[in-house]
Amino acid sequence: KNTVYLQMNSLKPEDTAVYYCAARARLCRVW
């Protein structure tokens, strides 16, 4: 489906935010 999902359970008020997805080559990085 060319799609990535974020399943969010047990949500808390502090999870309130704008959520973004982003792409980079192959490997994950924190920056």
Full PDB file with SEQRES, HELIX, SHEET, SSBOND, CRYST1, ORIGX, SCALE, CONECT and MASTER records, all heavy atoms in Angstrom:
SEQRES   1 A   31  LYS ASN THR VAL TYR LEU GLN MET ASN SER LEU LYS PRO          
SEQRES   2 A   31  GLU ASP THR ALA VAL TYR TYR CYS ALA ALA ARG ALA ARG          
SEQRES   3 A   31  LEU CYS ARG VAL TRP                                          
HELIX    1 AA1 PRO A   13  ASP A   15  5                                   3    
CRYST1    1.000    1.000    1.000  90.00  90.00  90.00 P 1           1          
ORIGX1      1.000000  0.000000  0.000000        0.00000                         
ORIGX2      0.000000  1.000000  0.000000        0.00000                         
ORIGX3      0.000000  0.000000  1.000000        0.00000                         
SCALE1      1.000000  0.000000  0.000000        0.00000                         
SCALE2      0.000000  1.000000  0.000000        0.00000                         
SCALE3      0.000000  0.000000  1.000000        0.00000                         
ATOM      1  N   LYS A   1       0.811  -1.213   0.000  1.00  0.00           N  
ATOM      2  CA  LYS A   1       0.000   0.000   0.000  1.00  0.00           C  
ATOM      3  C   LYS A   1       0.844   1.261   0.000  1.00  0.00           C  
ATOM      4  O   LYS A   1       0.293   2.369  -0.002  1.00  0.00           O  
ATOM      5  CB  LYS A   1      -0.948   0.011   1.198  1.00  0.00           C  
ATOM      6  CG  LYS A   1      -2.024  -1.061   1.156  1.00  0.00           C  
ATOM      7  CD  LYS A   1      -2.942  -0.939   2.357  1.00  0.00           C  
ATOM      8  CE  LYS A   1      -4.168  -1.823   2.223  1.00  0.00           C  
ATOM      9  NZ  LYS A   1      -3.819  -3.254   2.160  1.00  0.00           N  
ATOM     10  N   ASN A   2       2.165   1.104   0.042  1.00  0.00           N  
ATOM     11  CA  ASN A   2       3.087   2.236   0.067  1.00  0.00           C  
ATOM     12  C   ASN A   2       2.764   3.170   1.236  1.00  0.00           C  
ATOM     13  O   ASN A   2       2.779   4.398   1.103  1.00  0.00           O  
ATOM     14  CB  ASN A   2       3.054   3.002  -1.256  1.00  0.00           C  
ATOM     15  CG  ASN A   2       4.425   3.485  -1.693  1.00  0.00           C  
ATOM     16  OD1 ASN A   2       5.445   2.883  -1.364  1.00  0.00           O  
ATOM     17  ND2 ASN A   2       4.461   4.576  -2.440  1.00  0.00           N  
ATOM     18  N   THR A   3       2.503   2.563   2.379  1.00  0.00           N  
ATOM     19  CA  THR A   3       2.018   3.298   3.534  1.00  0.00           C  
ATOM     20  C   THR A   3       2.699   2.808   4.807  1.00  0.00           C  
ATOM     21  O   THR A   3       2.942   1.613   4.977  1.00  0.00           O  
ATOM     22  CB  THR A   3       0.494   3.145   3.673  1.00  0.00           C  
ATOM     23  OG1 THR A   3      -0.138   3.642   2.490  1.00  0.00           O  
ATOM     24  CG2 THR A   3      -0.033   3.906   4.870  1.00  0.00           C  
ATOM     25  N   VAL A   4       2.988   3.745   5.688  1.00  0.00           N  
ATOM     26  CA  VAL A   4       3.480   3.461   7.027  1.00  0.00           C  
ATOM     27  C   VAL A   4       2.433   3.930   8.018  1.00  0.00           C  
ATOM     28  O   VAL A   4       1.803   4.978   7.832  1.00  0.00           O  
ATOM     29  CB  VAL A   4       4.836   4.137   7.284  1.00  0.00           C  
ATOM     30  CG1 VAL A   4       5.220   4.057   8.757  1.00  0.00           C  
ATOM     31  CG2 VAL A   4       5.913   3.480   6.433  1.00  0.00           C  
ATOM     32  N   TYR A   5       2.256   3.157   9.078  1.00  0.00           N  
ATOM     33  CA  TYR A   5       1.241   3.445  10.066  1.00  0.00           C  
ATOM     34  C   TYR A   5       1.867   3.716  11.428  1.00  0.00           C  
ATOM     35  O   TYR A   5       2.927   3.198  11.768  1.00  0.00           O  
ATOM     36  CB  TYR A   5       0.270   2.270  10.209  1.00  0.00           C  
ATOM     37  CG  TYR A   5      -0.409   1.888   8.925  1.00  0.00           C  
ATOM     38  CD1 TYR A   5       0.074   0.830   8.155  1.00  0.00           C  
ATOM     39  CD2 TYR A   5      -1.522   2.582   8.474  1.00  0.00           C  
ATOM     40  CE1 TYR A   5      -0.544   0.476   6.975  1.00  0.00           C  
ATOM     41  CE2 TYR A   5      -2.145   2.236   7.293  1.00  0.00           C  
ATOM     42  CZ  TYR A   5      -1.657   1.182   6.544  1.00  0.00           C  
ATOM     43  OH  TYR A   5      -2.265   0.830   5.370  1.00  0.00           O  
ATOM     44  N   LEU A   6       1.184   4.522  12.192  1.00  0.00           N  
ATOM     45  CA  LEU A   6       1.516   4.710  13.597  1.00  0.00           C  
ATOM     46  C   LEU A   6       0.260   4.396  14.399  1.00  0.00           C  
ATOM     47  O   LEU A   6      -0.702   5.159  14.377  1.00  0.00           O  
ATOM     48  CB  LEU A   6       1.991   6.136  13.879  1.00  0.00           C  
ATOM     49  CG  LEU A   6       2.408   6.416  15.325  1.00  0.00           C  
ATOM     50  CD1 LEU A   6       3.648   5.611  15.694  1.00  0.00           C  
ATOM     51  CD2 LEU A   6       2.648   7.905  15.546  1.00  0.00           C  
ATOM     52  N   GLN A   7       0.281   3.257  15.068  1.00  0.00           N  
ATOM     53  CA  GLN A   7      -0.819   2.868  15.933  1.00  0.00           C  
ATOM     54  C   GLN A   7      -0.579   3.470  17.309  1.00  0.00           C  
ATOM     55  O   GLN A   7       0.451   3.204  17.933  1.00  0.00           O  
ATOM     56  CB  GLN A   7      -0.930   1.347  16.027  1.00  0.00           C  
ATOM     57  CG  GLN A   7      -2.056   0.855  16.926  1.00  0.00           C  
ATOM     58  CD  GLN A   7      -3.426   1.202  16.391  1.00  0.00           C  
ATOM     59  OE1 GLN A   7      -3.699   1.003  15.216  1.00  0.00           O  
ATOM     60  NE2 GLN A   7      -4.288   1.729  17.257  1.00  0.00           N  
ATOM     61  N   MET A   8      -1.518   4.257  17.768  1.00  0.00           N  
ATOM     62  CA  MET A   8      -1.387   4.997  19.010  1.00  0.00           C  
ATOM     63  C   MET A   8      -2.477   4.525  19.963  1.00  0.00           C  
ATOM     64  O   MET A   8      -3.663   4.754  19.726  1.00  0.00           O  
ATOM     65  CB  MET A   8      -1.521   6.498  18.759  1.00  0.00           C  
ATOM     66  CG  MET A   8      -0.619   7.006  17.635  1.00  0.00           C  
ATOM     67  SD  MET A   8      -1.061   8.671  17.069  1.00  0.00           S  
ATOM     68  CE  MET A   8      -0.647   9.629  18.516  1.00  0.00           C  
ATOM     69  N   ASN A   9      -2.067   3.860  21.029  1.00  0.00           N  
ATOM     70  CA  ASN A   9      -2.996   3.345  22.026  1.00  0.00           C  
ATOM     71  C   ASN A   9      -2.768   4.037  23.357  1.00  0.00           C  
ATOM     72  O   ASN A   9      -1.721   4.631  23.607  1.00  0.00           O  
ATOM     73  CB  ASN A   9      -2.816   1.834  22.199  1.00  0.00           C  
ATOM     74  CG  ASN A   9      -3.094   1.045  20.935  1.00  0.00           C  
ATOM     75  OD1 ASN A   9      -3.964   1.407  20.150  1.00  0.00           O  
ATOM     76  ND2 ASN A   9      -2.359  -0.049  20.750  1.00  0.00           N  
ATOM     77  N   SER A  10      -3.756   3.926  24.219  1.00  0.00           N  
ATOM     78  CA  SER A  10      -3.677   4.492  25.566  1.00  0.00           C  
ATOM     79  C   SER A  10      -3.222   5.944  25.533  1.00  0.00           C  
ATOM     80  O   SER A  10      -2.323   6.360  26.264  1.00  0.00           O  
ATOM     81  CB  SER A  10      -2.736   3.648  26.438  1.00  0.00           C  
ATOM     82  OG  SER A  10      -3.173   2.311  26.515  1.00  0.00           O  
ATOM     83  N   LEU A  11      -3.857   6.708  24.690  1.00  0.00           N  
ATOM     84  CA  LEU A  11      -3.430   8.084  24.468  1.00  0.00           C  
ATOM     85  C   LEU A  11      -3.616   8.942  25.706  1.00  0.00           C  
ATOM     86  O   LEU A  11      -4.573   8.773  26.466  1.00  0.00           O  
ATOM     87  CB  LEU A  11      -4.181   8.679  23.286  1.00  0.00           C  
ATOM     88  CG  LEU A  11      -3.668   8.212  21.923  1.00  0.00           C  
ATOM     89  CD1 LEU A  11      -4.705   8.454  20.848  1.00  0.00           C  
ATOM     90  CD2 LEU A  11      -2.359   8.917  21.583  1.00  0.00           C  
ATOM     91  N   LYS A  12      -2.685   9.853  25.876  1.00  0.00           N  
ATOM     92  CA  LYS A  12      -2.666  10.769  27.002  1.00  0.00           C  
ATOM     93  C   LYS A  12      -2.731  12.203  26.497  1.00  0.00           C  
ATOM     94  O   LYS A  12      -2.325  12.484  25.370  1.00  0.00           O  
ATOM     95  CB  LYS A  12      -1.376  10.575  27.816  1.00  0.00           C  
ATOM     96  CG  LYS A  12      -1.153   9.167  28.314  1.00  0.00           C  
ATOM     97  CD  LYS A  12       0.198   9.041  28.999  1.00  0.00           C  
ATOM     98  CE  LYS A  12       0.438   7.639  29.499  1.00  0.00           C  
ATOM     99  NZ  LYS A  12       1.769   7.516  30.149  1.00  0.00           N  
ATOM    100  N   PRO A  13      -3.210  13.125  27.324  1.00  0.00           N  
ATOM    101  CA  PRO A  13      -3.241  14.524  26.888  1.00  0.00           C  
ATOM    102  C   PRO A  13      -1.888  15.044  26.424  1.00  0.00           C  
ATOM    103  O   PRO A  13      -1.838  15.862  25.497  1.00  0.00           O  
ATOM    104  CB  PRO A  13      -3.736  15.270  28.131  1.00  0.00           C  
ATOM    105  CG  PRO A  13      -4.578  14.263  28.839  1.00  0.00           C  
ATOM    106  CD  PRO A  13      -3.884  12.946  28.621  1.00  0.00           C  
ATOM    107  N   GLU A  14      -0.812  14.584  27.026  1.00  0.00           N  
ATOM    108  CA  GLU A  14       0.509  15.036  26.624  1.00  0.00           C  
ATOM    109  C   GLU A  14       0.945  14.521  25.259  1.00  0.00           C  
ATOM    110  O   GLU A  14       1.986  14.943  24.739  1.00  0.00           O  
ATOM    111  CB  GLU A  14       1.559  14.668  27.685  1.00  0.00           C  
ATOM    112  CG  GLU A  14       1.538  13.209  28.093  1.00  0.00           C  
ATOM    113  CD  GLU A  14       0.750  12.966  29.377  1.00  0.00           C  
ATOM    114  OE1 GLU A  14      -0.353  13.539  29.509  1.00  0.00           O  
ATOM    115  OE2 GLU A  14       1.234  12.219  30.243  1.00  0.00           O  
ATOM    116  N   ASP A  15       0.172  13.621  24.663  1.00  0.00           N  
ATOM    117  CA  ASP A  15       0.432  13.197  23.300  1.00  0.00           C  
ATOM    118  C   ASP A  15      -0.108  14.190  22.272  1.00  0.00           C  
ATOM    119  O   ASP A  15       0.131  14.016  21.074  1.00  0.00           O  
ATOM    120  CB  ASP A  15      -0.190  11.822  23.030  1.00  0.00           C  
ATOM    121  CG  ASP A  15       0.427  10.722  23.870  1.00  0.00           C  
ATOM    122  OD1 ASP A  15       1.668  10.704  24.023  1.00  0.00           O  
ATOM    123  OD2 ASP A  15      -0.330   9.868  24.376  1.00  0.00           O  
ATOM    124  N   THR A  16      -0.837  15.180  22.727  1.00  0.00           N  
ATOM    125  CA  THR A  16      -1.403  16.172  21.822  1.00  0.00           C  
ATOM    126  C   THR A  16      -0.290  16.903  21.081  1.00  0.00           C  
ATOM    127  O   THR A  16       0.613  17.470  21.689  1.00  0.00           O  
ATOM    128  CB  THR A  16      -2.266  17.168  22.593  1.00  0.00           C  
ATOM    129  OG1 THR A  16      -3.383  16.481  23.166  1.00  0.00           O  
ATOM    130  CG2 THR A  16      -2.775  18.267  21.679  1.00  0.00           C  
ATOM    131  N   ALA A  17      -0.356  16.882  19.767  1.00  0.00           N  
ATOM    132  CA  ALA A  17       0.671  17.492  18.937  1.00  0.00           C  
ATOM    133  C   ALA A  17       0.254  17.354  17.479  1.00  0.00           C  
ATOM    134  O   ALA A  17      -0.690  16.629  17.146  1.00  0.00           O  
ATOM    135  CB  ALA A  17       2.033  16.822  19.152  1.00  0.00           C  
ATOM    136  N   VAL A  18       0.979  18.041  16.623  1.00  0.00           N  
ATOM    137  CA  VAL A  18       0.918  17.761  15.201  1.00  0.00           C  
ATOM    138  C   VAL A  18       1.917  16.649  14.920  1.00  0.00           C  
ATOM    139  O   VAL A  18       3.088  16.742  15.294  1.00  0.00           O  
ATOM    140  CB  VAL A  18       1.235  18.997  14.352  1.00  0.00           C  
ATOM    141  CG1 VAL A  18       1.230  18.644  12.864  1.00  0.00           C  
ATOM    142  CG2 VAL A  18       0.222  20.103  14.629  1.00  0.00           C  
ATOM    143  N   TYR A  19       1.456  15.609  14.271  1.00  0.00           N  
ATOM    144  CA  TYR A  19       2.291  14.467  13.958  1.00  0.00           C  
ATOM    145  C   TYR A  19       2.680  14.499  12.488  1.00  0.00           C  
ATOM    146  O   TYR A  19       1.834  14.674  11.606  1.00  0.00           O  
ATOM    147  CB  TYR A  19       1.561  13.158  14.280  1.00  0.00           C  
ATOM    148  CG  TYR A  19       1.529  12.857  15.760  1.00  0.00           C  
ATOM    149  CD1 TYR A  19       0.728  13.602  16.619  1.00  0.00           C  
ATOM    150  CD2 TYR A  19       2.315  11.845  16.303  1.00  0.00           C  
ATOM    151  CE1 TYR A  19       0.715  13.341  17.975  1.00  0.00           C  
ATOM    152  CE2 TYR A  19       2.296  11.583  17.660  1.00  0.00           C  
ATOM    153  CZ  TYR A  19       1.498  12.328  18.495  1.00  0.00           C  
ATOM    154  OH  TYR A  19       1.477  12.067  19.843  1.00  0.00           O  
ATOM    155  N   TYR A  20       3.964  14.331  12.242  1.00  0.00           N  
ATOM    156  CA  TYR A  20       4.520  14.360  10.905  1.00  0.00           C  
ATOM    157  C   TYR A  20       5.201  13.041  10.592  1.00  0.00           C  
ATOM    158  O   TYR A  20       5.809  12.424  11.465  1.00  0.00           O  
ATOM    159  CB  TYR A  20       5.584  15.457  10.768  1.00  0.00           C  
ATOM    160  CG  TYR A  20       5.113  16.854  11.044  1.00  0.00           C  
ATOM    161  CD1 TYR A  20       5.142  17.377  12.333  1.00  0.00           C  
ATOM    162  CD2 TYR A  20       4.665  17.667  10.004  1.00  0.00           C  
ATOM    163  CE1 TYR A  20       4.724  18.670  12.585  1.00  0.00           C  
ATOM    164  CE2 TYR A  20       4.253  18.962  10.257  1.00  0.00           C  
ATOM    165  CZ  TYR A  20       4.286  19.459  11.545  1.00  0.00           C  
ATOM    166  OH  TYR A  20       3.879  20.747  11.790  1.00  0.00           O  
ATOM    167  N   CYS A  21       5.133  12.635   9.353  1.00  0.00           N  
ATOM    168  CA  CYS A  21       6.001  11.568   8.896  1.00  0.00           C  
ATOM    169  C   CYS A  21       7.049  12.150   7.963  1.00  0.00           C  
ATOM    170  O   CYS A  21       6.849  13.195   7.338  1.00  0.00           O  
ATOM    171  CB  CYS A  21       5.233  10.426   8.229  1.00  0.00           C  
ATOM    172  SG  CYS A  21       4.387  10.826   6.684  1.00  0.00           S  
ATOM    173  N   ALA A  22       8.181  11.483   7.905  1.00  0.00           N  
ATOM    174  CA  ALA A  22       9.305  11.958   7.118  1.00  0.00           C  
ATOM    175  C   ALA A  22      10.085  10.771   6.584  1.00  0.00           C  
ATOM    176  O   ALA A  22      10.091   9.697   7.188  1.00  0.00           O  
ATOM    177  CB  ALA A  22      10.210  12.858   7.955  1.00  0.00           C  
ATOM    178  N   ALA A  23      10.750  10.982   5.468  1.00  0.00           N  
ATOM    179  CA  ALA A  23      11.481   9.914   4.797  1.00  0.00           C  
ATOM    180  C   ALA A  23      12.955  10.258   4.670  1.00  0.00           C  
ATOM    181  O   ALA A  23      13.324  11.410   4.432  1.00  0.00           O  
ATOM    182  CB  ALA A  23      10.893   9.652   3.412  1.00  0.00           C  
ATOM    183  N   ARG A  24      13.788   9.253   4.824  1.00  0.00           N  
ATOM    184  CA  ARG A  24      15.199   9.341   4.548  1.00  0.00           C  
ATOM    185  C   ARG A  24      15.657   8.002   4.024  1.00  0.00           C  
ATOM    186  O   ARG A  24      14.913   7.017   4.070  1.00  0.00           O  
ATOM    187  CB  ARG A  24      16.003   9.763   5.788  1.00  0.00           C  
ATOM    188  CG  ARG A  24      16.050   8.702   6.857  1.00  0.00           C  
ATOM    189  CD  ARG A  24      16.816   9.178   8.097  1.00  0.00           C  
ATOM    190  NE  ARG A  24      18.089   9.797   7.790  1.00  0.00           N  
ATOM    191  CZ  ARG A  24      19.223   9.138   7.495  1.00  0.00           C  
ATOM    192  NH1 ARG A  24      19.233   7.804   7.476  1.00  0.00           N  
ATOM    193  NH2 ARG A  24      20.328   9.813   7.221  1.00  0.00           N  
ATOM    194  N   ALA A  25      16.889   7.936   3.558  1.00  0.00           N  
ATOM    195  CA  ALA A  25      17.391   6.711   2.939  1.00  0.00           C  
ATOM    196  C   ALA A  25      17.600   5.607   3.959  1.00  0.00           C  
ATOM    197  O   ALA A  25      18.372   5.750   4.902  1.00  0.00           O  
ATOM    198  CB  ALA A  25      18.694   7.001   2.193  1.00  0.00           C  
ATOM    199  N   ARG A  26      16.897   4.547   3.800  1.00  0.00           N  
ATOM    200  CA  ARG A  26      17.088   3.227   4.386  1.00  0.00           C  
ATOM    201  C   ARG A  26      17.089   3.140   5.905  1.00  0.00           C  
ATOM    202  O   ARG A  26      16.300   2.398   6.474  1.00  0.00           O  
ATOM    203  CB  ARG A  26      18.365   2.576   3.824  1.00  0.00           C  
ATOM    204  CG  ARG A  26      18.258   2.263   2.362  1.00  0.00           C  
ATOM    205  CD  ARG A  26      19.490   1.611   1.805  1.00  0.00           C  
ATOM    206  NE  ARG A  26      19.296   1.253   0.417  1.00  0.00           N  
ATOM    207  CZ  ARG A  26      19.443   2.090  -0.597  1.00  0.00           C  
ATOM    208  NH1 ARG A  26      19.777   3.358  -0.376  1.00  0.00           N  
ATOM    209  NH2 ARG A  26      19.245   1.673  -1.829  1.00  0.00           N  
ATOM    210  N   LEU A  27      17.978   3.874   6.556  1.00  0.00           N  
ATOM    211  CA  LEU A  27      18.195   3.710   7.979  1.00  0.00           C  
ATOM    212  C   LEU A  27      17.600   4.846   8.780  1.00  0.00           C  
ATOM    213  O   LEU A  27      17.580   5.994   8.342  1.00  0.00           O  
ATOM    214  CB  LEU A  27      19.693   3.605   8.285  1.00  0.00           C  
ATOM    215  CG  LEU A  27      20.446   2.464   7.615  1.00  0.00           C  
ATOM    216  CD1 LEU A  27      21.915   2.506   8.012  1.00  0.00           C  
ATOM    217  CD2 LEU A  27      19.832   1.120   7.986  1.00  0.00           C  
ATOM    218  N   CYS A  28      17.149   4.526   9.977  1.00  0.00           N  
ATOM    219  CA  CYS A  28      16.574   5.517  10.866  1.00  0.00           C  
ATOM    220  C   CYS A  28      17.656   6.353  11.529  1.00  0.00           C  
ATOM    221  O   CYS A  28      18.730   5.861  11.859  1.00  0.00           O  
ATOM    222  CB  CYS A  28      15.722   4.844  11.934  1.00  0.00           C  
ATOM    223  SG  CYS A  28      14.213   4.074  11.313  1.00  0.00           S  
ATOM    224  N   ARG A  29      17.336   7.604  11.740  1.00  0.00           N  
ATOM    225  CA  ARG A  29      18.173   8.531  12.479  1.00  0.00           C  
ATOM    226  C   ARG A  29      17.286   9.393  13.350  1.00  0.00           C  
ATOM    227  O   ARG A  29      16.141   9.664  13.018  1.00  0.00           O  
ATOM    228  CB  ARG A  29      18.998   9.418  11.542  1.00  0.00           C  
ATOM    229  CG  ARG A  29      20.010   8.667  10.679  1.00  0.00           C  
ATOM    230  CD  ARG A  29      21.183   8.163  11.499  1.00  0.00           C  
ATOM    231  NE  ARG A  29      22.214   7.562  10.665  1.00  0.00           N  
ATOM    232  CZ  ARG A  29      22.275   6.276  10.341  1.00  0.00           C  
ATOM    233  NH1 ARG A  29      21.344   5.440  10.782  1.00  0.00           N  
ATOM    234  NH2 ARG A  29      23.259   5.828   9.580  1.00  0.00           N  
ATOM    235  N   VAL A  30      17.832   9.850  14.454  1.00  0.00           N  
ATOM    236  CA  VAL A  30      17.051  10.638  15.394  1.00  0.00           C  
ATOM    237  C   VAL A  30      16.934  12.096  14.965  1.00  0.00           C  
ATOM    238  O   VAL A  30      16.025  12.796  15.407  1.00  0.00           O  
ATOM    239  CB  VAL A  30      17.644  10.525  16.815  1.00  0.00           C  
ATOM    240  CG1 VAL A  30      18.981  11.264  16.916  1.00  0.00           C  
ATOM    241  CG2 VAL A  30      16.657  11.018  17.861  1.00  0.00           C  
ATOM    242  N   TRP A  31      17.813  12.557  14.106  1.00  0.00           N  
ATOM    243  CA  TRP A  31      17.876  13.985  13.781  1.00  0.00           C  
ATOM    244  C   TRP A  31      16.909  14.339  12.659  1.00  0.00           C  
ATOM    245  O   TRP A  31      17.036  13.850  11.525  1.00  0.00           O  
ATOM    246  CB  TRP A  31      19.300  14.370  13.370  1.00  0.00           C  
ATOM    247  CG  TRP A  31      20.328  13.931  14.356  1.00  0.00           C  
ATOM    248  CD1 TRP A  31      20.574  14.459  15.583  1.00  0.00           C  
ATOM    249  CD2 TRP A  31      21.256  12.855  14.194  1.00  0.00           C  
ATOM    250  NE1 TRP A  31      21.605  13.780  16.201  1.00  0.00           N  
ATOM    251  CE2 TRP A  31      22.037  12.793  15.373  1.00  0.00           C  
ATOM    252  CE3 TRP A  31      21.501  11.935  13.163  1.00  0.00           C  
ATOM    253  CZ2 TRP A  31      23.045  11.854  15.552  1.00  0.00           C  
ATOM    254  CZ3 TRP A  31      22.509  10.992  13.350  1.00  0.00           C  
ATOM    255  CH2 TRP A  31      23.265  10.961  14.524  1.00  0.00           C  
TER     256      TRP A  31                                                      
MASTER        0    0    0    1    0    0    0    6  255    1    0    3          
END                                                                             
